[in-house]
Amino acid sequence: MSLASASLPEKQIVLGAASGPARQLLSINAFHYRRGGADNVYLDHARLMGERGWATSFFATRHPENLPSADSQYFAEESDFALGGSLSQRLIQSSRIIYSFEARRKLARMLDAVPVDLAHVHNIYHHQSPSILVELKRRGIPVVLTAHDLKLACPAYTMLNSSGICESCKGGRYWNVVRNRCIKGSLPASTVIMLEMMLHRTLDIYARHVDRIVVPSRFYRDKLISWGVDAAKLVYIPNFIRPVHGLKAQTGGRHILYFGRLSKEKGVMTLIRAAANAGVEVQIAGRGPQEAELRAEAEALNAPVRFLGFRTGADLVEIIDAARAIVLPSEWYENSPLSALEALQRGKPLIGARIGGIPELIEENRTGWLFESGNVSALATVLADVSALPETRLSDMAAECRAFISRNHSEDGYFEAMQALYRSLL
């Protein structure tokens, strides 16, 4: 769930290349539409580079929701991770997940027709597979990859299983992904991903074919290093937010807002229980697999929680502006969530779990407050404290939030850092 669609028509996102550029950039991602945070970064990154002198082209997979693109004729077929169908169909799907010859052929055909100086890869993994990295390097094209998750280290890109955070595969013990059924609780899916990881590590495919890895949070940099990724290849470049001109921060009402996916790792159950303990109104916008369970818990506890359903664009902006603060109760290794940056830009302080990259966005009592991830009583205390803050304090914090974004997550700062990285490879 993102504000991205509220800022600029999608047509301009894909047609944003400047005329007469000096360099040609190929942006690669599994999806060519706004499905999640990584896809937003992929599209907004290409748009920014296009606006500032790069010719941009795209390589993704086919999907009915894809945005218009002149490059779509080259897009690969989407791999079906459900692993359904006959035995032969499942074998074909599994082989594509591990190494897609089809995606590599499609990319080769594109590169024969479209000049490329540098490729920037986002989420590919089992959709296009790293086969495309091999083709890029065969042609001598520098490759930059943004680590939106922890797949470079762990077979389960979230480092989660049904019990919570898990790092048992560290040190090459990839059989644990099968033992714990980390991938969708499925034995077949977990087995395929174990084989994928073992092959890719045996071939050292990412290390040999990726020149630099962009990490949007320092936490991800440290975590990847601790799992054996070469520190010399990692470059810390925080995500950016496009400026909103004429924005006037509003201190909002009495309630706290959560917006995002309703799934276990997001910690929304902890939030509902904390709201019940504190007696503080919480509004929840979003949808996901845990929604029915969350609604039942809120009703059972008589919690002051209101479910708003899925919101996006202008509707989402309206409910953010109406909130006192935004809560991120995550219970997994978040990277640098765009939702948090968008909230800060609109002057909303964050109530954030002390986990992953979230603490990097919170200056205590200036841009927000931290609490121990998964701790109901600790979150309840923060909710009560924030509910009692005077409007003048919230107004001061709104200014701090916006200044934080200007210092650390500006469009100009992102472009300058990325341009310097690209130049070092060219």
Protein backbone atom coordinates (compact mmCIF):
# COMPACT_ATOMS: atom_id res chain seq x y z
CA MET A 1 0.00 0.00 0.00
CA SER A 2 1.60 3.25 -1.11
CA LEU A 3 0.96 6.89 -1.88
CA ALA A 4 2.94 6.61 -5.12
CA SER A 5 -0.10 6.51 -7.37
CA ALA A 6 -1.36 9.77 -5.90
CA SER A 7 1.60 11.84 -7.07
CA LEU A 8 1.99 11.37 -10.83
CA PRO A 9 0.09 9.64 -13.64
CA GLU A 10 1.50 6.20 -14.41
CA LYS A 11 1.87 7.11 -18.08
CA GLN A 12 4.62 9.53 -17.11
CA ILE A 13 6.38 6.86 -15.08
CA VAL A 14 7.05 4.68 -18.07
CA LEU A 15 7.55 7.42 -20.63
CA GLY A 16 9.77 9.64 -18.51
CA ALA A 17 13.10 9.34 -20.37
CA ALA A 18 14.78 12.61 -21.29
CA SER A 19 15.76 13.28 -24.90
CA GLY A 20 19.37 12.89 -26.04
CA PRO A 21 20.75 11.05 -22.97
CA ALA A 22 24.42 10.10 -22.64
CA ARG A 23 23.74 6.65 -21.16
CA GLN A 24 21.25 3.81 -21.53
CA LEU A 25 19.79 2.22 -18.38
CA LEU A 26 17.95 -1.09 -18.30
CA SER A 27 15.71 -1.55 -15.25
CA ILE A 28 14.79 -5.15 -14.42
CA ASN A 29 12.11 -6.40 -12.04
CA ALA A 30 9.70 -9.30 -11.74
CA PHE A 31 6.63 -7.07 -12.19
CA HIS A 32 5.99 -3.95 -14.24
CA TYR A 33 3.20 -2.59 -12.08
CA ARG A 34 2.83 -1.34 -8.50
CA ARG A 35 2.38 -4.62 -6.64
CA GLY A 36 4.54 -3.80 -3.59
CA GLY A 37 7.32 -1.64 -2.22
CA ALA A 38 10.08 -3.10 -4.42
CA ASP A 39 7.99 -2.46 -7.52
CA ASN A 40 7.42 1.14 -6.48
CA VAL A 41 11.17 1.64 -6.09
CA TYR A 42 11.80 0.00 -9.49
CA LEU A 43 9.34 2.30 -11.28
CA ASP A 44 10.23 5.48 -9.40
CA HIS A 45 13.96 4.86 -9.78
CA ALA A 46 13.61 4.49 -13.56
CA ARG A 47 11.42 7.56 -13.74
CA LEU A 48 13.92 9.66 -11.79
CA MET A 49 16.88 8.52 -13.88
CA GLY A 50 14.86 9.18 -17.04
CA GLU A 51 14.00 12.69 -15.91
CA ARG A 52 17.68 13.40 -15.26
CA GLY A 53 19.27 12.38 -18.51
CA TRP A 54 19.22 8.60 -18.82
CA ALA A 55 17.35 6.70 -21.51
CA THR A 56 15.40 4.02 -19.69
CA SER A 57 14.15 0.65 -20.86
CA PHE A 58 12.56 -2.22 -18.95
CA PHE A 59 12.65 -6.00 -18.65
CA ALA A 60 10.02 -7.77 -16.55
CA THR A 61 7.54 -10.65 -16.78
CA ARG A 62 4.21 -10.62 -18.57
CA HIS A 63 1.20 -9.78 -16.43
CA PRO A 64 -2.27 -8.37 -17.23
CA GLU A 65 -1.76 -5.50 -14.77
CA ASN A 66 1.55 -4.35 -16.30
CA LEU A 67 1.90 -0.68 -17.18
CA PRO A 68 2.32 0.18 -20.87
CA SER A 69 5.88 -0.25 -22.14
CA ALA A 70 7.45 -0.33 -25.58
CA ASP A 71 9.70 -3.10 -24.22
CA SER A 72 6.89 -5.48 -23.27
CA GLN A 73 7.40 -7.50 -26.46
CA TYR A 74 10.57 -8.86 -24.83
CA PHE A 75 9.13 -9.62 -21.39
CA ALA A 76 9.50 -13.18 -20.07
CA GLU A 77 6.65 -15.46 -19.07
CA GLU A 78 5.82 -15.29 -15.37
CA SER A 79 6.89 -18.33 -13.36
CA ASP A 80 4.00 -19.86 -11.42
CA PHE A 81 5.29 -20.41 -7.89
CA ALA A 82 2.15 -22.31 -6.93
CA LEU A 83 3.74 -25.46 -8.42
CA GLY A 84 0.38 -26.78 -9.52
CA GLY A 85 -0.68 -28.92 -12.48
CA SER A 86 0.70 -32.23 -13.73
CA LEU A 87 4.08 -33.65 -12.77
CA SER A 88 5.64 -32.46 -16.01
CA GLN A 89 4.20 -28.97 -15.52
CA ARG A 90 5.55 -28.84 -11.97
CA LEU A 91 8.99 -29.91 -13.17
CA ILE A 92 9.01 -27.17 -15.83
CA GLN A 93 7.90 -24.59 -13.26
CA SER A 94 10.58 -25.74 -10.81
CA SER A 95 13.32 -25.58 -13.43
CA ARG A 96 12.30 -22.03 -14.40
CA ILE A 97 12.44 -20.95 -10.76
CA ILE A 98 15.98 -22.27 -10.43
CA TYR A 99 17.34 -21.18 -13.83
CA SER A 100 15.09 -19.79 -16.56
CA PHE A 101 16.50 -20.36 -20.03
CA GLU A 102 13.37 -18.70 -21.41
CA ALA A 103 14.01 -15.45 -19.51
CA ARG A 104 17.64 -15.44 -20.63
CA ARG A 105 16.63 -15.94 -24.29
CA LYS A 106 14.09 -13.11 -24.08
CA LEU A 107 16.64 -10.78 -22.53
CA ALA A 108 19.26 -11.71 -25.13
CA ARG A 109 16.77 -10.85 -27.86
CA MET A 110 16.13 -7.49 -26.23
CA LEU A 111 19.82 -6.71 -25.82
CA ASP A 112 20.36 -7.48 -29.51
CA ALA A 113 17.87 -4.72 -30.33
CA VAL A 114 18.20 -2.21 -27.49
CA PRO A 115 21.55 -0.62 -26.51
CA VAL A 116 22.29 -0.88 -22.79
CA ASP A 117 25.18 0.65 -20.84
CA LEU A 118 24.17 -0.51 -17.36
CA ALA A 119 21.51 -2.76 -15.84
CA HIS A 120 19.83 -2.12 -12.49
CA VAL A 121 18.14 -5.24 -11.12
CA HIS A 122 15.47 -5.25 -8.44
CA ASN A 123 13.47 -8.37 -7.48
CA ILE A 124 14.02 -11.21 -9.97
CA TYR A 125 14.73 -14.42 -7.98
CA HIS A 126 12.27 -17.17 -8.93
CA HIS A 127 10.37 -15.03 -11.45
CA GLN A 128 13.17 -14.50 -13.99
CA SER A 129 15.94 -16.28 -12.08
CA PRO A 130 19.60 -15.18 -12.08
CA SER A 131 20.01 -16.64 -15.58
CA ILE A 132 19.54 -13.11 -16.86
CA LEU A 133 22.55 -11.94 -14.82
CA VAL A 134 24.71 -14.40 -16.69
CA GLU A 135 23.56 -12.95 -20.02
CA LEU A 136 24.23 -9.39 -18.91
CA LYS A 137 27.76 -10.18 -17.76
CA ARG A 138 28.46 -12.21 -20.91
CA ARG A 139 27.90 -8.97 -22.81
CA GLY A 140 30.06 -6.93 -20.43
CA ILE A 141 27.16 -4.88 -19.04
CA PRO A 142 27.71 -3.71 -15.43
CA VAL A 143 25.01 -4.94 -13.05
CA VAL A 144 23.68 -3.18 -9.93
CA LEU A 145 21.16 -4.99 -7.72
CA THR A 146 19.01 -3.38 -5.03
CA ALA A 147 18.47 -5.70 -2.05
CA HIS A 148 14.81 -5.12 -1.20
CA ASP A 149 14.83 -8.23 1.00
CA LEU A 150 17.28 -10.81 2.34
CA LYS A 151 17.06 -13.41 -0.44
CA LEU A 152 20.79 -13.00 -1.23
CA ALA A 153 21.48 -14.54 2.18
CA CYS A 154 18.52 -16.73 3.12
CA PRO A 155 16.36 -19.06 0.98
CA ALA A 156 13.29 -17.54 2.69
CA TYR A 157 13.70 -13.89 1.70
CA THR A 158 11.89 -12.67 4.84
CA MET A 159 13.99 -14.85 7.19
CA LEU A 160 10.71 -16.08 8.64
CA ASN A 161 9.07 -19.42 9.26
CA SER A 162 5.80 -20.25 11.03
CA SER A 163 7.43 -19.59 14.42
CA GLY A 164 8.84 -16.18 13.57
CA ILE A 165 12.31 -14.93 12.66
CA CYS A 166 14.66 -17.76 11.76
CA GLU A 167 18.35 -17.73 10.77
CA SER A 168 18.95 -21.48 10.93
CA CYS A 169 20.09 -21.62 7.27
CA LYS A 170 23.09 -19.43 8.07
CA GLY A 171 26.38 -21.02 7.15
CA GLY A 172 24.93 -22.97 4.21
CA ARG A 173 22.55 -25.15 6.25
CA TYR A 174 19.85 -24.76 3.61
CA TRP A 175 18.14 -28.04 4.47
CA ASN A 176 16.49 -26.14 7.33
CA VAL A 177 14.23 -24.38 4.84
CA VAL A 178 12.71 -27.80 4.11
CA ARG A 179 12.72 -28.98 7.71
CA ASN A 180 10.84 -25.84 8.79
CA ARG A 181 8.76 -25.61 5.60
CA CYS A 182 9.61 -21.91 5.43
CA ILE A 183 8.10 -21.29 1.98
CA LYS A 184 4.34 -20.94 2.33
CA GLY A 185 4.33 -23.89 4.76
CA SER A 186 4.77 -26.13 1.72
CA LEU A 187 7.17 -29.07 1.51
CA PRO A 188 7.40 -29.04 -2.34
CA ALA A 189 7.90 -25.26 -2.52
CA SER A 190 10.48 -25.31 0.27
CA THR A 191 12.35 -28.14 -1.46
CA VAL A 192 12.50 -26.24 -4.76
CA ILE A 193 13.80 -23.12 -3.02
CA MET A 194 16.40 -25.17 -1.13
CA LEU A 195 17.65 -26.63 -4.43
CA GLU A 196 17.60 -23.17 -5.99
CA MET A 197 19.74 -21.72 -3.21
CA MET A 198 22.17 -24.63 -3.19
CA LEU A 199 22.75 -24.40 -6.93
CA HIS A 200 23.10 -20.63 -6.95
CA ARG A 201 25.58 -20.76 -4.08
CA THR A 202 27.54 -23.62 -5.68
CA LEU A 203 27.82 -21.59 -8.89
CA ASP A 204 28.36 -18.38 -6.88
CA ILE A 205 25.99 -16.88 -9.41
CA TYR A 206 25.10 -13.61 -7.68
CA ALA A 207 28.63 -12.92 -6.43
CA ARG A 208 30.15 -13.49 -9.89
CA HIS A 209 27.57 -11.60 -11.94
CA VAL A 210 26.54 -8.62 -9.78
CA ASP A 211 28.98 -5.72 -9.53
CA ARG A 212 27.36 -3.75 -6.71
CA ILE A 213 24.48 -4.33 -4.29
CA VAL A 214 22.51 -1.30 -3.10
CA VAL A 215 21.17 -1.62 0.45
CA PRO A 216 18.49 0.91 1.53
CA SER A 217 19.16 0.34 5.25
CA ARG A 218 22.33 -0.07 7.31
CA PHE A 219 20.67 -3.01 9.03
CA TYR A 220 20.47 -4.91 5.74
CA ARG A 221 24.10 -4.13 5.03
CA ASP A 222 25.18 -5.56 8.37
CA LYS A 223 22.87 -8.57 8.07
CA LEU A 224 24.08 -9.49 4.58
CA ILE A 225 27.72 -9.17 5.68
CA SER A 226 27.05 -11.43 8.66
CA TRP A 227 25.73 -14.05 6.23
CA GLY A 228 28.86 -13.88 4.08
CA VAL A 229 28.07 -11.32 1.37
CA ASP A 230 31.18 -9.39 0.28
CA ALA A 231 31.14 -6.03 2.12
CA ALA A 232 33.07 -4.38 -0.72
CA LYS A 233 30.10 -4.89 -3.04
CA LEU A 234 27.55 -3.31 -0.71
CA VAL A 235 26.61 0.36 -1.13
CA TYR A 236 24.25 2.07 1.31
CA ILE A 237 21.82 4.34 -0.56
CA PRO A 238 18.56 5.11 1.31
CA ASN A 239 15.26 5.04 -0.56
CA PHE A 240 13.86 8.39 -1.66
CA ILE A 241 10.48 10.09 -1.64
CA ARG A 242 9.38 12.47 -4.38
CA PRO A 243 8.74 15.95 -2.98
CA VAL A 244 5.15 17.10 -2.54
CA HIS A 245 5.04 20.82 -3.22
CA GLY A 246 2.82 23.03 -1.10
CA LEU A 247 2.34 20.33 1.52
CA LYS A 248 1.13 21.60 4.88
CA ALA A 249 1.62 19.10 7.68
CA GLN A 250 -1.45 18.42 9.83
CA THR A 251 -1.30 17.15 13.39
CA GLY A 252 -4.37 14.95 12.93
CA GLY A 253 -6.93 13.59 15.36
CA ARG A 254 -6.82 11.34 18.40
CA HIS A 255 -6.32 7.96 16.73
CA ILE A 256 -3.23 6.03 15.62
CA LEU A 257 -3.10 4.59 12.10
CA TYR A 258 -1.63 1.39 10.69
CA PHE A 259 -1.66 0.98 6.92
CA GLY A 260 -0.21 -1.97 5.10
CA ARG A 261 -0.54 -5.71 4.63
CA LEU A 262 -2.53 -7.67 7.19
CA SER A 263 -0.20 -10.62 7.72
CA LYS A 264 1.46 -12.21 10.71
CA GLU A 265 4.93 -10.69 10.28
CA LYS A 266 3.51 -7.17 10.32
CA GLY A 267 2.64 -7.43 14.03
CA VAL A 268 -0.94 -6.20 13.68
CA MET A 269 -2.17 -8.73 16.25
CA THR A 270 0.24 -7.22 18.78
CA LEU A 271 -1.11 -3.78 17.85
CA ILE A 272 -4.74 -4.80 18.44
CA ARG A 273 -3.92 -6.24 21.85
CA ALA A 274 -1.92 -3.13 22.78
CA ALA A 275 -4.81 -0.89 21.69
CA ALA A 276 -7.15 -2.88 23.95
CA ASN A 277 -4.74 -2.56 26.89
CA ALA A 278 -4.19 1.17 26.39
CA GLY A 279 -7.75 2.08 25.45
CA VAL A 280 -6.40 4.09 22.50
CA GLU A 281 -8.24 4.21 19.20
CA VAL A 282 -6.38 2.54 16.33
CA GLN A 283 -7.45 2.52 12.71
CA ILE A 284 -6.22 -0.20 10.35
CA ALA A 285 -6.13 0.19 6.57
CA GLY A 286 -5.19 -2.74 4.38
CA ARG A 287 -5.98 -6.30 3.51
CA GLY A 288 -4.21 -9.62 3.76
CA PRO A 289 -4.42 -13.25 4.86
CA GLN A 290 -4.76 -12.48 8.58
CA GLU A 291 -7.69 -10.07 8.27
CA ALA A 292 -10.43 -12.40 9.54
CA GLU A 293 -8.32 -13.47 12.51
CA LEU A 294 -7.51 -9.86 13.36
CA ARG A 295 -11.14 -8.78 13.20
CA ALA A 296 -12.13 -11.66 15.48
CA GLU A 297 -9.45 -10.74 18.01
CA ALA A 298 -10.49 -7.09 18.04
CA GLU A 299 -14.11 -8.09 18.63
CA ALA A 300 -13.20 -10.58 21.36
CA LEU A 301 -11.15 -7.98 23.24
CA ASN A 302 -13.64 -5.18 22.56
CA ALA A 303 -10.59 -3.25 21.33
CA PRO A 304 -11.06 0.34 20.10
CA VAL A 305 -10.00 -0.71 16.60
CA ARG A 306 -11.59 0.30 13.33
CA PHE A 307 -10.89 -1.54 10.07
CA LEU A 308 -10.92 0.75 7.04
CA GLY A 309 -10.31 -1.76 4.24
CA PHE A 310 -7.81 -1.29 1.44
CA ARG A 311 -6.93 2.34 0.68
CA THR A 312 -4.63 3.89 -1.88
CA GLY A 313 -3.91 7.20 -3.60
CA ALA A 314 -5.90 10.21 -2.43
CA ASP A 315 -8.01 8.10 -0.04
CA LEU A 316 -4.87 6.91 1.72
CA VAL A 317 -3.47 10.44 1.90
CA GLU A 318 -6.68 11.59 3.58
CA ILE A 319 -6.59 8.97 6.33
CA ILE A 320 -2.87 9.53 6.97
CA ASP A 321 -3.43 13.26 7.38
CA ALA A 322 -6.27 12.55 9.80
CA ALA A 323 -4.08 10.42 12.10
CA ARG A 324 -2.09 11.49 15.14
CA ALA A 325 0.79 9.10 14.37
CA ILE A 326 1.58 6.07 12.22
CA VAL A 327 2.46 2.74 13.81
CA LEU A 328 4.81 0.09 12.39
CA PRO A 329 4.44 -2.92 14.72
CA SER A 330 6.57 -5.22 12.55
CA GLU A 331 7.88 -8.55 13.78
CA TRP A 332 10.24 -9.28 10.89
CA TYR A 333 13.38 -7.66 9.45
CA GLU A 334 11.86 -4.68 7.66
CA ASN A 335 14.25 -2.91 5.30
CA SER A 336 13.33 0.74 4.73
CA PRO A 337 9.55 0.75 4.25
CA LEU A 338 8.28 3.38 1.83
CA SER A 339 5.09 3.68 3.86
CA ALA A 340 7.14 5.02 6.76
CA LEU A 341 8.94 7.55 4.55
CA GLU A 342 5.63 8.70 3.08
CA ALA A 343 4.18 9.19 6.55
CA LEU A 344 7.20 11.18 7.72
CA GLN A 345 7.00 13.38 4.66
CA ARG A 346 3.44 14.25 5.62
CA GLY A 347 4.59 15.21 9.10
CA LYS A 348 3.42 12.08 10.90
CA PRO A 349 5.68 10.70 13.65
CA LEU A 350 6.24 6.95 13.73
CA ILE A 351 5.61 4.46 16.51
CA GLY A 352 8.03 1.77 15.40
CA ALA A 353 9.13 -1.67 16.50
CA ARG A 354 12.82 -1.90 17.32
CA ILE A 355 13.61 -4.36 14.53
CA GLY A 356 15.26 -4.37 11.11
CA GLY A 357 15.74 -0.96 9.50
CA ILE A 358 12.86 0.74 11.35
CA PRO A 359 15.05 2.29 14.11
CA GLU A 360 17.03 4.12 11.41
CA LEU A 361 13.92 6.16 10.62
CA ILE A 362 13.15 7.16 14.20
CA GLU A 363 14.94 9.81 16.21
CA GLU A 364 13.44 9.28 19.66
CA ASN A 365 10.91 11.99 20.62
CA ARG A 366 11.72 13.86 17.40
CA THR A 367 10.44 11.73 14.51
CA GLY A 368 8.80 9.07 16.66
CA TRP A 369 9.15 6.45 19.36
CA LEU A 370 10.50 2.90 19.52
CA PHE A 371 9.24 -0.15 21.41
CA GLU A 372 10.37 -3.77 21.69
CA SER A 373 9.01 -5.75 18.75
CA GLY A 374 6.20 -8.11 19.75
CA ASN A 375 5.85 -6.62 23.26
CA VAL A 376 2.18 -5.79 23.84
CA SER A 377 2.66 -3.88 27.09
CA ALA A 378 5.56 -1.81 25.70
CA LEU A 379 3.49 -0.81 22.66
CA ALA A 380 0.46 -0.06 24.86
CA THR A 381 2.58 2.33 26.95
CA VAL A 382 3.74 4.20 23.83
CA LEU A 383 0.20 4.38 22.44
CA ALA A 384 -1.03 5.92 25.68
CA ASP A 385 1.86 8.40 25.83
CA VAL A 386 1.33 9.54 22.23
CA SER A 387 -2.40 9.86 22.78
CA ALA A 388 -1.72 12.27 25.65
CA LEU A 389 0.72 14.55 23.80
CA PRO A 390 -0.35 18.17 23.36
CA GLU A 391 -1.01 19.47 19.85
CA THR A 392 1.91 21.89 20.09
CA ARG A 393 4.34 19.01 20.60
CA LEU A 394 2.89 17.12 17.64
CA SER A 395 3.21 20.24 15.50
CA ASP A 396 6.90 20.54 16.42
CA MET A 397 7.42 16.87 15.62
CA ALA A 398 5.71 17.27 12.25
CA ALA A 399 8.39 19.78 11.28
CA GLU A 400 11.10 17.40 12.55
CA CYS A 401 9.67 14.56 10.46
CA ARG A 402 9.72 16.57 7.27
CA ALA A 403 13.22 17.86 7.94
CA PHE A 404 14.38 14.26 8.50
CA ILE A 405 13.10 13.26 5.06
CA SER A 406 14.78 16.26 3.43
CA ARG A 407 18.11 15.38 5.06
CA ASN A 408 18.12 11.65 4.51
CA HIS A 409 15.67 10.59 1.80
CA SER A 410 15.55 13.35 -0.79
CA GLU A 411 15.26 12.82 -4.53
CA ASP A 412 18.42 14.87 -5.14
CA GLY A 413 20.47 12.94 -2.58
CA TYR A 414 19.36 9.61 -4.01
CA PHE A 415 20.14 10.62 -7.58
CA GLU A 416 23.58 11.96 -6.73
CA ALA A 417 24.51 8.78 -4.85
CA MET A 418 23.18 6.52 -7.61
CA GLN A 419 24.85 8.59 -10.33
CA ALA A 420 28.19 8.34 -8.52
CA LEU A 421 27.76 4.55 -8.23
CA TYR A 422 26.91 4.19 -11.93
CA ARG A 423 29.87 6.33 -12.96
CA SER A 424 32.22 4.20 -10.88
CA LEU A 425 31.14 1.16 -12.93
CA LEU A 426 31.17 2.85 -16.32
